[in-house]
């Protein structure tokens, strides 16, 4: 694995987007935006509700929205990557999970549909047991299901 240092702009934008995203989701940001709209609405009669008066708010909101899409998306990408890494660590650390799921986010939509059907089947098996502690791995699902039934019944088997 290469230890490549990120560029200054990347580091700056990463920090900037995190702070802006956090600030944009605050009550202060909402109240500020609401205040701007109130001031704009109150000034309507002063400017006779002119086209320029309308253009000011339309242009301002369009520019802010356009820029915020990129800032929020960058922050979301970072959060998503961190979440995937945390989940990958849990999958890799557990003996009862399938390591094939570590890079599941890179599968095609068709492959994800196949996995979903498999987990629907596992869910149906678990529902039939009425036992919250019966879980299944993607590998050997039916065999493990039977093993768990035997453990519950006191007939522990070896794999």
C-alpha atoms as a PDB file:
ATOM      1  CA  UNK A   1       0.000   0.000   0.000  1.00  0.00           C
ATOM      2  CA  UNK A   2       1.472   3.330  -1.055  1.00  0.00           C
ATOM      3  CA  UNK A   3       1.758   6.069   1.514  1.00  0.00           C
ATOM      4  CA  UNK A   4       0.856   8.923  -0.826  1.00  0.00           C
ATOM      5  CA  UNK A   5       0.336  12.251   0.914  1.00  0.00           C
ATOM      6  CA  UNK A   6      -2.824  14.070  -0.213  1.00  0.00           C
ATOM      7  CA  UNK A   7      -2.414  17.493  -1.823  1.00  0.00           C
ATOM      8  CA  UNK A   8      -2.966  20.706   0.092  1.00  0.00           C
ATOM      9  CA  UNK A   9      -6.167  21.493  -1.753  1.00  0.00           C
ATOM     10  CA  UNK A  10      -7.583  18.029  -1.035  1.00  0.00           C
ATOM     11  CA  UNK A  11      -6.820  18.379   2.683  1.00  0.00           C
ATOM     12  CA  UNK A  12      -8.236  21.916   2.736  1.00  0.00           C
ATOM     13  CA  UNK A  13     -11.402  20.911   0.837  1.00  0.00           C
ATOM     14  CA  UNK A  14     -11.884  17.866   3.068  1.00  0.00           C
ATOM     15  CA  UNK A  15     -11.767  19.980   6.228  1.00  0.00           C
ATOM     16  CA  UNK A  16     -13.762  22.795   4.637  1.00  0.00           C
ATOM     17  CA  UNK A  17     -16.549  20.487   3.438  1.00  0.00           C
ATOM     18  CA  UNK A  18     -16.807  18.822   6.831  1.00  0.00           C
ATOM     19  CA  UNK A  19     -17.169  22.171   8.595  1.00  0.00           C
ATOM     20  CA  UNK A  20     -19.576  23.611   6.018  1.00  0.00           C
ATOM     21  CA  UNK A  21     -21.727  20.469   6.065  1.00  0.00           C
ATOM     22  CA  UNK A  22     -21.874  20.566   9.856  1.00  0.00           C
ATOM     23  CA  UNK A  23     -22.699  24.281   9.863  1.00  0.00           C
ATOM     24  CA  UNK A  24     -25.284  23.974   7.068  1.00  0.00           C
ATOM     25  CA  UNK A  25     -27.185  21.418   9.138  1.00  0.00           C
ATOM     26  CA  UNK A  26     -27.335  23.642  12.211  1.00  0.00           C
ATOM     27  CA  UNK A  27     -30.276  25.613  13.535  1.00  0.00           C
ATOM     28  CA  UNK A  28     -28.237  28.821  13.137  1.00  0.00           C
ATOM     29  CA  UNK A  29     -27.934  28.187   9.381  1.00  0.00           C
ATOM     30  CA  UNK A  30     -31.660  27.548   9.104  1.00  0.00           C
ATOM     31  CA  UNK A  31     -32.549  30.679  11.062  1.00  0.00           C
ATOM     32  CA  UNK A  32     -30.094  32.725   8.967  1.00  0.00           C
ATOM     33  CA  UNK A  33     -31.625  31.472   5.725  1.00  0.00           C
ATOM     34  CA  UNK A  34     -35.108  32.090   7.081  1.00  0.00           C
ATOM     35  CA  UNK A  35     -34.080  35.617   8.089  1.00  0.00           C
ATOM     36  CA  UNK A  36     -32.742  36.339   4.605  1.00  0.00           C
ATOM     37  CA  UNK A  37     -36.038  35.207   3.088  1.00  0.00           C
ATOM     38  CA  UNK A  38     -37.993  37.435   5.501  1.00  0.00           C
ATOM     39  CA  UNK A  39     -35.793  40.456   4.674  1.00  0.00           C
ATOM     40  CA  UNK A  40     -36.177  39.715   0.972  1.00  0.00           C
ATOM     41  CA  UNK A  41     -39.982  39.422   1.294  1.00  0.00           C
ATOM     42  CA  UNK A  42     -40.254  42.614   3.346  1.00  0.00           C
ATOM     43  CA  UNK A  43     -38.237  44.558   0.765  1.00  0.00           C
ATOM     44  CA  UNK A  44     -40.592  43.441  -2.010  1.00  0.00           C
ATOM     45  CA  UNK A  45     -42.895  46.481  -1.751  1.00  0.00           C
ATOM     46  CA  UNK A  46     -39.889  48.808  -1.566  1.00  0.00           C
ATOM     47  CA  UNK A  47     -38.599  47.484  -4.901  1.00  0.00           C
ATOM     48  CA  UNK A  48     -42.140  47.149  -6.312  1.00  0.00           C
ATOM     49  CA  UNK A  49     -41.678  43.366  -6.619  1.00  0.00           C
ATOM     50  CA  UNK A  50     -39.495  44.019  -9.663  1.00  0.00           C
ATOM     51  CA  UNK A  51     -37.805  41.413 -11.811  1.00  0.00           C
ATOM     52  CA  UNK A  52     -34.449  42.447 -10.329  1.00  0.00           C
ATOM     53  CA  UNK A  53     -35.803  41.921  -6.815  1.00  0.00           C
ATOM     54  CA  UNK A  54     -36.893  38.383  -7.767  1.00  0.00           C
ATOM     55  CA  UNK A  55     -33.645  37.727  -9.624  1.00  0.00           C
ATOM     56  CA  UNK A  56     -31.599  38.501  -6.504  1.00  0.00           C
ATOM     57  CA  UNK A  57     -33.157  35.698  -4.453  1.00  0.00           C
ATOM     58  CA  UNK A  58     -33.297  33.268  -7.381  1.00  0.00           C
ATOM     59  CA  UNK A  59     -29.645  33.801  -8.276  1.00  0.00           C
ATOM     60  CA  UNK A  60     -28.492  33.653  -4.662  1.00  0.00           C
ATOM     61  CA  UNK A  61     -30.312  30.435  -3.879  1.00  0.00           C
ATOM     62  CA  UNK A  62     -29.207  28.821  -7.145  1.00  0.00           C
ATOM     63  CA  UNK A  63     -25.530  29.598  -6.551  1.00  0.00           C
ATOM     64  CA  UNK A  64     -25.637  28.413  -2.940  1.00  0.00           C
ATOM     65  CA  UNK A  65     -27.486  25.229  -3.898  1.00  0.00           C
ATOM     66  CA  UNK A  66     -25.075  24.481  -6.735  1.00  0.00           C
ATOM     67  CA  UNK A  67     -22.000  24.854  -4.519  1.00  0.00           C
ATOM     68  CA  UNK A  68     -23.530  23.011  -1.577  1.00  0.00           C
ATOM     69  CA  UNK A  69     -24.201  19.939  -3.733  1.00  0.00           C
ATOM     70  CA  UNK A  70     -20.457  19.432  -4.190  1.00  0.00           C
ATOM     71  CA  UNK A  71     -19.509  20.287  -0.616  1.00  0.00           C
ATOM     72  CA  UNK A  72     -22.116  17.977   0.907  1.00  0.00           C
ATOM     73  CA  UNK A  73     -21.351  15.183  -1.593  1.00  0.00           C
ATOM     74  CA  UNK A  74     -17.648  15.266  -0.678  1.00  0.00           C
ATOM     75  CA  UNK A  75     -18.487  15.060   3.010  1.00  0.00           C
ATOM     76  CA  UNK A  76     -20.985  12.252   2.326  1.00  0.00           C
ATOM     77  CA  UNK A  77     -18.398  10.317   0.291  1.00  0.00           C
ATOM     78  CA  UNK A  78     -15.938  10.499   3.188  1.00  0.00           C
ATOM     79  CA  UNK A  79     -18.566   9.402   5.721  1.00  0.00           C
ATOM     80  CA  UNK A  80     -19.667   6.529   3.482  1.00  0.00           C
ATOM     81  CA  UNK A  81     -16.095   5.330   3.017  1.00  0.00           C
ATOM     82  CA  UNK A  82     -15.476   5.457   6.770  1.00  0.00           C
ATOM     83  CA  UNK A  83     -18.681   3.481   7.395  1.00  0.00           C
ATOM     84  CA  UNK A  84     -17.682   0.853   4.813  1.00  0.00           C
ATOM     85  CA  UNK A  85     -14.258   0.491   6.427  1.00  0.00           C
ATOM     86  CA  UNK A  86     -15.804   0.042   9.882  1.00  0.00           C
ATOM     87  CA  UNK A  87     -18.219  -2.586   8.574  1.00  0.00           C
ATOM     88  CA  UNK A  88     -15.393  -4.318   6.688  1.00  0.00           C
ATOM     89  CA  UNK A  89     -13.409  -4.503   9.926  1.00  0.00           C
ATOM     90  CA  UNK A  90     -16.349  -6.126  11.716  1.00  0.00           C
ATOM     91  CA  UNK A  91     -16.862  -8.620   8.896  1.00  0.00           C
ATOM     92  CA  UNK A  92     -13.163  -9.473   8.702  1.00  0.00           C
ATOM     93  CA  UNK A  93     -12.871  -9.868  12.482  1.00  0.00           C
ATOM     94  CA  UNK A  94     -15.795 -12.277  12.852  1.00  0.00           C
ATOM     95  CA  UNK A  95     -15.419 -16.004  12.295  1.00  0.00           C
ATOM     96  CA  UNK A  96     -19.103 -16.369  11.436  1.00  0.00           C
ATOM     97  CA  UNK A  97     -19.279 -13.918   8.578  1.00  0.00           C
ATOM     98  CA  UNK A  98     -18.472 -14.244   4.922  1.00  0.00           C
ATOM     99  CA  UNK A  99     -15.442 -12.278   3.801  1.00  0.00           C
ATOM    100  CA  UNK A 100     -17.066 -12.067   0.382  1.00  0.00           C
ATOM    101  CA  UNK A 101     -19.210  -9.265   1.775  1.00  0.00           C
ATOM    102  CA  UNK A 102     -16.222  -7.026   2.518  1.00  0.00           C
ATOM    103  CA  UNK A 103     -16.367  -5.328  -0.874  1.00  0.00           C
ATOM    104  CA  UNK A 104     -20.098  -5.710  -1.434  1.00  0.00           C
ATOM    105  CA  UNK A 105     -20.436  -2.024  -2.341  1.00  0.00           C
ATOM    106  CA  UNK A 106     -18.397  -2.734  -5.491  1.00  0.00           C
ATOM    107  CA  UNK A 107     -20.791  -5.394  -6.823  1.00  0.00           C
ATOM    108  CA  UNK A 108     -23.087  -4.768  -9.749  1.00  0.00           C
ATOM    109  CA  UNK A 109     -26.780  -4.219  -9.199  1.00  0.00           C
ATOM    110  CA  UNK A 110     -27.521  -7.715 -10.555  1.00  0.00           C
ATOM    111  CA  UNK A 111     -25.063  -9.287  -8.086  1.00  0.00           C
ATOM    112  CA  UNK A 112     -26.646  -7.331  -5.245  1.00  0.00           C
ATOM    113  CA  UNK A 113     -30.087  -8.634  -6.262  1.00  0.00           C
ATOM    114  CA  UNK A 114     -28.749 -12.209  -6.064  1.00  0.00           C
ATOM    115  CA  UNK A 115     -27.360 -11.526  -2.567  1.00  0.00           C
ATOM    116  CA  UNK A 116     -30.634  -9.961  -1.482  1.00  0.00           C
ATOM    117  CA  UNK A 117     -32.567 -13.051  -2.580  1.00  0.00           C
ATOM    118  CA  UNK A 118     -30.174 -15.180  -0.566  1.00  0.00           C
ATOM    119  CA  UNK A 119     -30.681 -13.069   2.553  1.00  0.00           C
ATOM    120  CA  UNK A 120     -34.438 -13.133   2.072  1.00  0.00           C
ATOM    121  CA  UNK A 121     -34.175 -16.939   2.160  1.00  0.00           C
ATOM    122  CA  UNK A 122     -32.058 -16.761   5.325  1.00  0.00           C
ATOM    123  CA  UNK A 123     -34.613 -14.442   6.872  1.00  0.00           C
ATOM    124  CA  UNK A 124     -37.387 -16.920   6.109  1.00  0.00           C
ATOM    125  CA  UNK A 125     -35.376 -19.717   7.749  1.00  0.00           C
ATOM    126  CA  UNK A 126     -34.844 -17.587  10.844  1.00  0.00           C
ATOM    127  CA  UNK A 127     -38.529 -16.625  11.029  1.00  0.00           C
ATOM    128  CA  UNK A 128     -39.482 -20.305  11.080  1.00  0.00           C
ATOM    129  CA  UNK A 129     -37.282 -20.920  14.120  1.00  0.00           C
ATOM    130  CA  UNK A 130     -38.679 -18.230  16.398  1.00  0.00           C
ATOM    131  CA  UNK A 131     -35.162 -18.047  17.892  1.00  0.00           C
ATOM    132  CA  UNK A 132     -33.519 -14.625  17.854  1.00  0.00           C
ATOM    133  CA  UNK A 133     -30.048 -16.143  18.284  1.00  0.00           C
ATOM    134  CA  UNK A 134     -30.107 -18.295  15.152  1.00  0.00           C
ATOM    135  CA  UNK A 135     -28.018 -16.484  12.547  1.00  0.00           C
ATOM    136  CA  UNK A 136     -26.657 -17.567   9.208  1.00  0.00           C
ATOM    137  CA  UNK A 137     -23.583 -16.886   7.147  1.00  0.00           C
ATOM    138  CA  UNK A 138     -23.687 -16.530   3.400  1.00  0.00           C
ATOM    139  CA  UNK A 139     -21.572 -19.698   3.209  1.00  0.00           C
ATOM    140  CA  UNK A 140     -23.155 -22.980   4.237  1.00  0.00           C
ATOM    141  CA  UNK A 141     -26.420 -21.348   5.228  1.00  0.00           C
ATOM    142  CA  UNK A 142     -28.618 -24.398   5.310  1.00  0.00           C
ATOM    143  CA  UNK A 143     -25.939 -26.591   6.917  1.00  0.00           C
ATOM    144  CA  UNK A 144     -25.315 -24.009   9.610  1.00  0.00           C
ATOM    145  CA  UNK A 145     -29.034 -23.652  10.115  1.00  0.00           C
ATOM    146  CA  UNK A 146     -29.252 -27.366  10.882  1.00  0.00           C
ATOM    147  CA  UNK A 147     -26.218 -27.147  13.200  1.00  0.00           C
ATOM    148  CA  UNK A 148     -27.875 -24.380  15.158  1.00  0.00           C
ATOM    149  CA  UNK A 149     -31.037 -26.406  15.496  1.00  0.00           C
ATOM    150  CA  UNK A 150     -28.997 -29.289  16.921  1.00  0.00           C
ATOM    151  CA  UNK A 151     -27.209 -26.962  19.378  1.00  0.00           C
ATOM    152  CA  UNK A 152     -30.534 -25.652  20.626  1.00  0.00           C
ATOM    153  CA  UNK A 153     -31.764 -29.226  21.039  1.00  0.00           C
ATOM    154  CA  UNK A 154     -28.566 -30.179  22.934  1.00  0.00           C
ATOM    155  CA  UNK A 155     -27.061 -32.195  20.074  1.00  0.00           C
ATOM    156  CA  UNK A 156     -24.022 -30.048  19.358  1.00  0.00           C
ATOM    157  CA  UNK A 157     -22.309 -31.098  16.131  1.00  0.00           C
ATOM    158  CA  UNK A 158     -18.861 -30.304  14.800  1.00  0.00           C
ATOM    159  CA  UNK A 159     -18.151 -28.688  11.447  1.00  0.00           C
END
